[in-house]
Amino acid sequence: MRSFLETTDGWRHAGGFVCLLAGAEHIGPYGDPYDQQSMYEEYLDEDPPAEEVLLAGMRGRALQLSLDSRT
């Protein structure tokens, strides 16, 4: 994804809900503004499979690519 964005430097109107995709210099951490990661982590079993742990923590690793979206 990084090489794609470095080459294209983003794009305008990416479809249904993304109106403006960020150029490479504007991409940054998503930051989990709705605190969804803690909600998903709360529902993990005592000894969860690695895949569930990975999915529960994805918001902490996510990048924000959209500058303007309707979500």
PDB file of N, CA and C in Angstrom:
ATOM      1  N   MET A   1       0.821  -1.188   0.000  1.00  0.00           N
ATOM      2  CA  MET A   1       0.000   0.000   0.000  1.00  0.00           C
ATOM      3  C   MET A   1       0.865   1.252   0.000  1.00  0.00           C
ATOM      4  N   ARG A   2       1.931   1.260   0.775  1.00  0.00           N
ATOM      5  CA  ARG A   2       2.792   2.433   0.849  1.00  0.00           C
ATOM      6  C   ARG A   2       3.355   2.783  -0.519  1.00  0.00           C
ATOM      7  N   SER A   3       3.847   1.795  -1.269  1.00  0.00           N
ATOM      8  CA  SER A   3       4.422   2.085  -2.587  1.00  0.00           C
ATOM      9  C   SER A   3       3.349   2.607  -3.542  1.00  0.00           C
ATOM     10  N   PHE A   4       2.129   2.090  -3.445  1.00  0.00           N
ATOM     11  CA  PHE A   4       1.038   2.602  -4.273  1.00  0.00           C
ATOM     12  C   PHE A   4       0.805   4.080  -3.990  1.00  0.00           C
ATOM     13  N   LEU A   5       0.731   4.442  -2.696  1.00  0.00           N
ATOM     14  CA  LEU A   5       0.458   5.829  -2.336  1.00  0.00           C
ATOM     15  C   LEU A   5       1.631   6.745  -2.664  1.00  0.00           C
ATOM     16  N   GLU A   6       2.855   6.228  -2.557  1.00  0.00           N
ATOM     17  CA  GLU A   6       4.004   7.042  -2.945  1.00  0.00           C
ATOM     18  C   GLU A   6       3.986   7.329  -4.442  1.00  0.00           C
ATOM     19  N   THR A   7       3.505   6.366  -5.226  1.00  0.00           N
ATOM     20  CA  THR A   7       3.449   6.534  -6.684  1.00  0.00           C
ATOM     21  C   THR A   7       2.287   7.422  -7.105  1.00  0.00           C
ATOM     22  N   THR A   8       1.098   7.171  -6.558  1.00  0.00           N
ATOM     23  CA  THR A   8      -0.091   7.905  -6.984  1.00  0.00           C
ATOM     24  C   THR A   8      -0.330   9.176  -6.193  1.00  0.00           C
ATOM     25  N   ASP A   9       0.223   9.252  -4.977  1.00  0.00           N
ATOM     26  CA  ASP A   9       0.006  10.364  -4.054  1.00  0.00           C
ATOM     27  C   ASP A   9      -1.486  10.561  -3.771  1.00  0.00           C
ATOM     28  N   GLY A  10      -2.188   9.456  -3.563  1.00  0.00           N
ATOM     29  CA  GLY A  10      -3.608   9.502  -3.218  1.00  0.00           C
ATOM     30  C   GLY A  10      -4.485   9.674  -4.444  1.00  0.00           C
ATOM     31  N   TRP A  11      -5.767   9.864  -4.234  1.00  0.00           N
ATOM     32  CA  TRP A  11      -6.688  10.141  -5.332  1.00  0.00           C
ATOM     33  C   TRP A  11      -7.936  10.816  -4.781  1.00  0.00           C
ATOM     34  N   ARG A  12      -8.701  11.370  -5.643  1.00  0.00           N
ATOM     35  CA  ARG A  12      -9.938  12.043  -5.267  1.00  0.00           C
ATOM     36  C   ARG A  12     -11.128  11.114  -5.521  1.00  0.00           C
ATOM     37  N   HIS A  13     -12.179  11.277  -4.757  1.00  0.00           N
ATOM     38  CA  HIS A  13     -13.413  10.494  -4.808  1.00  0.00           C
ATOM     39  C   HIS A  13     -13.170   9.015  -5.101  1.00  0.00           C
ATOM     40  N   ALA A  14     -12.900   8.287  -4.037  1.00  0.00           N
ATOM     41  CA  ALA A  14     -12.572   6.869  -4.130  1.00  0.00           C
ATOM     42  C   ALA A  14     -13.804   5.978  -4.144  1.00  0.00           C
ATOM     43  N   GLY A  15     -14.984   6.538  -4.200  1.00  0.00           N
ATOM     44  CA  GLY A  15     -16.190   5.725  -4.254  1.00  0.00           C
ATOM     45  C   GLY A  15     -17.154   6.071  -3.140  1.00  0.00           C
ATOM     46  N   GLY A  16     -18.109   5.202  -2.913  1.00  0.00           N
ATOM     47  CA  GLY A  16     -19.228   5.395  -2.015  1.00  0.00           C
ATOM     48  C   GLY A  16     -19.035   6.243  -0.776  1.00  0.00           C
ATOM     49  N   PHE A  17     -18.062   5.967   0.064  1.00  0.00           N
ATOM     50  CA  PHE A  17     -17.953   6.699   1.319  1.00  0.00           C
ATOM     51  C   PHE A  17     -16.632   7.426   1.495  1.00  0.00           C
ATOM     52  N   VAL A  18     -15.657   7.219   0.629  1.00  0.00           N
ATOM     53  CA  VAL A  18     -14.379   7.930   0.719  1.00  0.00           C
ATOM     54  C   VAL A  18     -14.343   8.999  -0.358  1.00  0.00           C
ATOM     55  N   CYS A  19     -14.335  10.250   0.066  1.00  0.00           N
ATOM     56  CA  CYS A  19     -14.357  11.372  -0.880  1.00  0.00           C
ATOM     57  C   CYS A  19     -12.950  11.825  -1.260  1.00  0.00           C
ATOM     58  N   LEU A  20     -11.996  11.690  -0.348  1.00  0.00           N
ATOM     59  CA  LEU A  20     -10.640  12.146  -0.624  1.00  0.00           C
ATOM     60  C   LEU A  20      -9.647  11.245   0.101  1.00  0.00           C
ATOM     61  N   LEU A  21      -8.838  10.529  -0.641  1.00  0.00           N
ATOM     62  CA  LEU A  21      -7.805   9.677  -0.067  1.00  0.00           C
ATOM     63  C   LEU A  21      -6.549  10.509   0.112  1.00  0.00           C
ATOM     64  N   ALA A  22      -5.924  10.404   1.249  1.00  0.00           N
ATOM     65  CA  ALA A  22      -4.752  11.213   1.581  1.00  0.00           C
ATOM     66  C   ALA A  22      -3.583  10.922   0.658  1.00  0.00           C
ATOM     67  N   GLY A  23      -2.798  11.936   0.407  1.00  0.00           N
ATOM     68  CA  GLY A  23      -1.526  11.742  -0.261  1.00  0.00           C
ATOM     69  C   GLY A  23      -0.544  11.168   0.742  1.00  0.00           C
ATOM     70  N   ALA A  24       0.587  10.722   0.288  1.00  0.00           N
ATOM     71  CA  ALA A  24       1.556  10.024   1.137  1.00  0.00           C
ATOM     72  C   ALA A  24       1.972  10.843   2.358  1.00  0.00           C
ATOM     73  N   GLU A  25       2.090  12.167   2.217  1.00  0.00           N
ATOM     74  CA  GLU A  25       2.555  12.984   3.349  1.00  0.00           C
ATOM     75  C   GLU A  25       1.497  13.178   4.432  1.00  0.00           C
ATOM     76  N   HIS A  26       0.234  12.843   4.148  1.00  0.00           N
ATOM     77  CA  HIS A  26      -0.842  13.035   5.117  1.00  0.00           C
ATOM     78  C   HIS A  26      -1.281  11.754   5.821  1.00  0.00           C
ATOM     79  N   ILE A  27      -0.702  10.638   5.482  1.00  0.00           N
ATOM     80  CA  ILE A  27      -1.080   9.369   6.102  1.00  0.00           C
ATOM     81  C   ILE A  27      -0.478   9.289   7.496  1.00  0.00           C
ATOM     82  N   GLY A  28      -1.288   8.845   8.435  1.00  0.00           N
ATOM     83  CA  GLY A  28      -0.805   8.718   9.804  1.00  0.00           C
ATOM     84  C   GLY A  28      -1.595   7.676  10.564  1.00  0.00           C
ATOM     85  N   PRO A  29      -1.286   7.484  11.829  1.00  0.00           N
ATOM     86  CA  PRO A  29      -2.006   6.508  12.642  1.00  0.00           C
ATOM     87  C   PRO A  29      -3.493   6.853  12.730  1.00  0.00           C
ATOM     88  N   TYR A  30      -4.325   5.844  12.698  1.00  0.00           N
ATOM     89  CA  TYR A  30      -5.769   6.032  12.808  1.00  0.00           C
ATOM     90  C   TYR A  30      -6.134   6.569  14.186  1.00  0.00           C
ATOM     91  N   GLY A  31      -5.530   6.015  15.205  1.00  0.00           N
ATOM     92  CA  GLY A  31      -5.736   6.524  16.557  1.00  0.00           C
ATOM     93  C   GLY A  31      -6.947   5.988  17.291  1.00  0.00           C
ATOM     94  N   ASP A  32      -7.773   5.155  16.671  1.00  0.00           N
ATOM     95  CA  ASP A  32      -8.940   4.551  17.317  1.00  0.00           C
ATOM     96  C   ASP A  32      -9.794   5.592  18.042  1.00  0.00           C
ATOM     97  N   PRO A  33     -10.351   6.578  17.323  1.00  0.00           N
ATOM     98  CA  PRO A  33     -11.092   7.663  17.955  1.00  0.00           C
ATOM     99  C   PRO A  33     -12.354   7.225  18.703  1.00  0.00           C
ATOM    100  N   TYR A  34     -12.892   6.066  18.393  1.00  0.00           N
ATOM    101  CA  TYR A  34     -14.111   5.596  19.058  1.00  0.00           C
ATOM    102  C   TYR A  34     -13.820   4.511  20.099  1.00  0.00           C
ATOM    103  N   ASP A  35     -12.546   4.305  20.427  1.00  0.00           N
ATOM    104  CA  ASP A  35     -12.112   3.335  21.443  1.00  0.00           C
ATOM    105  C   ASP A  35     -12.677   1.941  21.198  1.00  0.00           C
ATOM    106  N   GLN A  36     -12.673   1.520  19.950  1.00  0.00           N
ATOM    107  CA  GLN A  36     -13.196   0.203  19.601  1.00  0.00           C
ATOM    108  C   GLN A  36     -12.243  -0.915  20.002  1.00  0.00           C
ATOM    109  N   GLN A  37     -10.945  -0.642  20.026  1.00  0.00           N
ATOM    110  CA  GLN A  37      -9.995  -1.701  20.366  1.00  0.00           C
ATOM    111  C   GLN A  37     -10.274  -2.257  21.762  1.00  0.00           C
ATOM    112  N   SER A  38     -10.488  -1.400  22.746  1.00  0.00           N
ATOM    113  CA  SER A  38     -10.738  -1.901  24.103  1.00  0.00           C
ATOM    114  C   SER A  38     -12.028  -2.711  24.168  1.00  0.00           C
ATOM    115  N   MET A  39     -13.026  -2.326  23.361  1.00  0.00           N
ATOM    116  CA  MET A  39     -14.279  -3.080  23.327  1.00  0.00           C
ATOM    117  C   MET A  39     -14.029  -4.501  22.804  1.00  0.00           C
ATOM    118  N   TYR A  40     -13.261  -4.624  21.719  1.00  0.00           N
ATOM    119  CA  TYR A  40     -12.972  -5.951  21.167  1.00  0.00           C
ATOM    120  C   TYR A  40     -12.087  -6.761  22.108  1.00  0.00           C
ATOM    121  N   GLU A  41     -11.123  -6.130  22.737  1.00  0.00           N
ATOM    122  CA  GLU A  41     -10.242  -6.839  23.671  1.00  0.00           C
ATOM    123  C   GLU A  41     -11.019  -7.355  24.872  1.00  0.00           C
ATOM    124  N   GLU A  42     -12.032  -6.617  25.287  1.00  0.00           N
ATOM    125  CA  GLU A  42     -12.869  -7.015  26.416  1.00  0.00           C
ATOM    126  C   GLU A  42     -13.579  -8.341  26.171  1.00  0.00           C
ATOM    127  N   TYR A  43     -13.901  -8.639  24.923  1.00  0.00           N
ATOM    128  CA  TYR A  43     -14.644  -9.851  24.578  1.00  0.00           C
ATOM    129  C   TYR A  43     -13.756 -11.044  24.256  1.00  0.00           C
ATOM    130  N   LEU A  44     -12.446 -10.894  24.376  1.00  0.00           N
ATOM    131  CA  LEU A  44     -11.550 -12.037  24.152  1.00  0.00           C
ATOM    132  C   LEU A  44     -11.695 -13.049  25.278  1.00  0.00           C
ATOM    133  N   ASP A  45     -11.621 -14.325  24.938  1.00  0.00           N
ATOM    134  CA  ASP A  45     -11.645 -15.380  25.945  1.00  0.00           C
ATOM    135  C   ASP A  45     -10.376 -15.323  26.782  1.00  0.00           C
ATOM    136  N   GLU A  46     -10.325 -16.141  27.827  1.00  0.00           N
ATOM    137  CA  GLU A  46      -9.165 -16.173  28.712  1.00  0.00           C
ATOM    138  C   GLU A  46      -7.893 -16.585  27.960  1.00  0.00           C
ATOM    139  N   ASP A  47      -8.015 -17.523  27.042  1.00  0.00           N
ATOM    140  CA  ASP A  47      -6.866 -17.971  26.247  1.00  0.00           C
ATOM    141  C   ASP A  47      -7.259 -17.923  24.765  1.00  0.00           C
ATOM    142  N   PRO A  48      -7.339 -16.711  24.194  1.00  0.00           N
ATOM    143  CA  PRO A  48      -7.846 -16.571  22.827  1.00  0.00           C
ATOM    144  C   PRO A  48      -6.849 -17.039  21.777  1.00  0.00           C
ATOM    145  N   PRO A  49      -7.351 -17.488  20.638  1.00  0.00           N
ATOM    146  CA  PRO A  49      -6.467 -17.838  19.528  1.00  0.00           C
ATOM    147  C   PRO A  49      -5.713 -16.590  19.048  1.00  0.00           C
ATOM    148  N   ALA A  50      -4.532 -16.786  18.506  1.00  0.00           N
ATOM    149  CA  ALA A  50      -3.695 -15.675  18.048  1.00  0.00           C
ATOM    150  C   ALA A  50      -4.421 -14.804  17.019  1.00  0.00           C
ATOM    151  N   GLU A  51      -5.227 -15.416  16.157  1.00  0.00           N
ATOM    152  CA  GLU A  51      -5.958 -14.656  15.138  1.00  0.00           C
ATOM    153  C   GLU A  51      -6.932 -13.657  15.774  1.00  0.00           C
ATOM    154  N   GLU A  52      -7.611 -14.075  16.854  1.00  0.00           N
ATOM    155  CA  GLU A  52      -8.545 -13.169  17.522  1.00  0.00           C
ATOM    156  C   GLU A  52      -7.815 -12.022  18.208  1.00  0.00           C
ATOM    157  N   VAL A  53      -6.665 -12.293  18.784  1.00  0.00           N
ATOM    158  CA  VAL A  53      -5.850 -11.249  19.413  1.00  0.00           C
ATOM    159  C   VAL A  53      -5.395 -10.252  18.351  1.00  0.00           C
ATOM    160  N   LEU A  54      -4.967 -10.772  17.206  1.00  0.00           N
ATOM    161  CA  LEU A  54      -4.529  -9.927  16.100  1.00  0.00           C
ATOM    162  C   LEU A  54      -5.666  -9.018  15.621  1.00  0.00           C
ATOM    163  N   LEU A  55      -6.851  -9.585  15.452  1.00  0.00           N
ATOM    164  CA  LEU A  55      -8.004  -8.797  15.019  1.00  0.00           C
ATOM    165  C   LEU A  55      -8.422  -7.763  16.060  1.00  0.00           C
ATOM    166  N   ALA A  56      -8.397  -8.134  17.326  1.00  0.00           N
ATOM    167  CA  ALA A  56      -8.794  -7.212  18.390  1.00  0.00           C
ATOM    168  C   ALA A  56      -7.854  -6.012  18.465  1.00  0.00           C
ATOM    169  N   GLY A  57      -6.604  -6.196  18.132  1.00  0.00           N
ATOM    170  CA  GLY A  57      -5.623  -5.117  18.226  1.00  0.00           C
ATOM    171  C   GLY A  57      -5.398  -4.332  16.954  1.00  0.00           C
ATOM    172  N   MET A  58      -6.188  -4.603  15.908  1.00  0.00           N
ATOM    173  CA  MET A  58      -5.906  -3.980  14.616  1.00  0.00           C
ATOM    174  C   MET A  58      -6.097  -2.469  14.626  1.00  0.00           C
ATOM    175  N   ARG A  59      -6.978  -1.946  15.449  1.00  0.00           N
ATOM    176  CA  ARG A  59      -7.181  -0.495  15.456  1.00  0.00           C
ATOM    177  C   ARG A  59      -5.956   0.246  15.966  1.00  0.00           C
ATOM    178  N   GLY A  60      -5.180  -0.381  16.809  1.00  0.00           N
ATOM    179  CA  GLY A  60      -3.945   0.227  17.294  1.00  0.00           C
ATOM    180  C   GLY A  60      -2.849   0.251  16.238  1.00  0.00           C
ATOM    181  N   ARG A  61      -3.013  -0.553  15.174  1.00  0.00           N
ATOM    182  CA  ARG A  61      -2.012  -0.609  14.097  1.00  0.00           C
ATOM    183  C   ARG A  61      -2.505   0.050  12.814  1.00  0.00           C
ATOM    184  N   ALA A  62      -3.747   0.471  12.782  1.00  0.00           N
ATOM    185  CA  ALA A  62      -4.360   0.982  11.564  1.00  0.00           C
ATOM    186  C   ALA A  62      -3.825   2.355  11.166  1.00  0.00           C
ATOM    187  N   LEU A  63      -3.842   2.599   9.859  1.00  0.00           N
ATOM    188  CA  LEU A  63      -3.469   3.899   9.320  1.00  0.00           C
ATOM    189  C   LEU A  63      -4.713   4.609   8.799  1.00  0.00           C
ATOM    190  N   GLN A  64      -4.762   5.905   8.955  1.00  0.00           N
ATOM    191  CA  GLN A  64      -5.857   6.693   8.389  1.00  0.00           C
ATOM    192  C   GLN A  64      -5.443   7.129   7.003  1.00  0.00           C
ATOM    193  N   LEU A  65      -6.160   6.648   5.991  1.00  0.00           N
ATOM    194  CA  LEU A  65      -5.853   6.964   4.607  1.00  0.00           C
ATOM    195  C   LEU A  65      -6.806   8.002   4.023  1.00  0.00           C
ATOM    196  N   SER A  66      -7.969   8.162   4.623  1.00  0.00           N
ATOM    197  CA  SER A  66      -8.978   9.077   4.095  1.00  0.00           C
ATOM    198  C   SER A  66      -8.875  10.442   4.787  1.00  0.00           C
ATOM    199  N   LEU A  67      -8.891  11.495   3.998  1.00  0.00           N
ATOM    200  CA  LEU A  67      -8.949  12.846   4.555  1.00  0.00           C
ATOM    201  C   LEU A  67     -10.381  13.301   4.720  1.00  0.00           C
ATOM    202  N   ASP A  68     -11.285  12.743   3.916  1.00  0.00           N
ATOM    203  CA  ASP A  68     -12.690  13.122   3.956  1.00  0.00           C
ATOM    204  C   ASP A  68     -13.518  11.885   3.638  1.00  0.00           C
ATOM    205  N   SER A  69     -14.332  11.454   4.594  1.00  0.00           N
ATOM    206  CA  SER A  69     -15.165  10.273   4.364  1.00  0.00           C
ATOM    207  C   SER A  69     -16.501  10.448   5.055  1.00  0.00           C
ATOM    208  N   ARG A  70     -17.443   9.655   4.646  1.00  0.00           N
ATOM    209  CA  ARG A  70     -18.784   9.668   5.245  1.00  0.00           C
ATOM    210  C   ARG A  70     -18.996   8.355   5.983  1.00  0.00           C
ATOM    211  N   THR A  71     -18.428   8.243   7.169  1.00  0.00           N
ATOM    212  CA  THR A  71     -18.571   7.010   7.943  1.00  0.00           C
ATOM    213  C   THR A  71     -19.358   7.248   9.192  1.00  0.00           C
TER     214      THR A  71
END
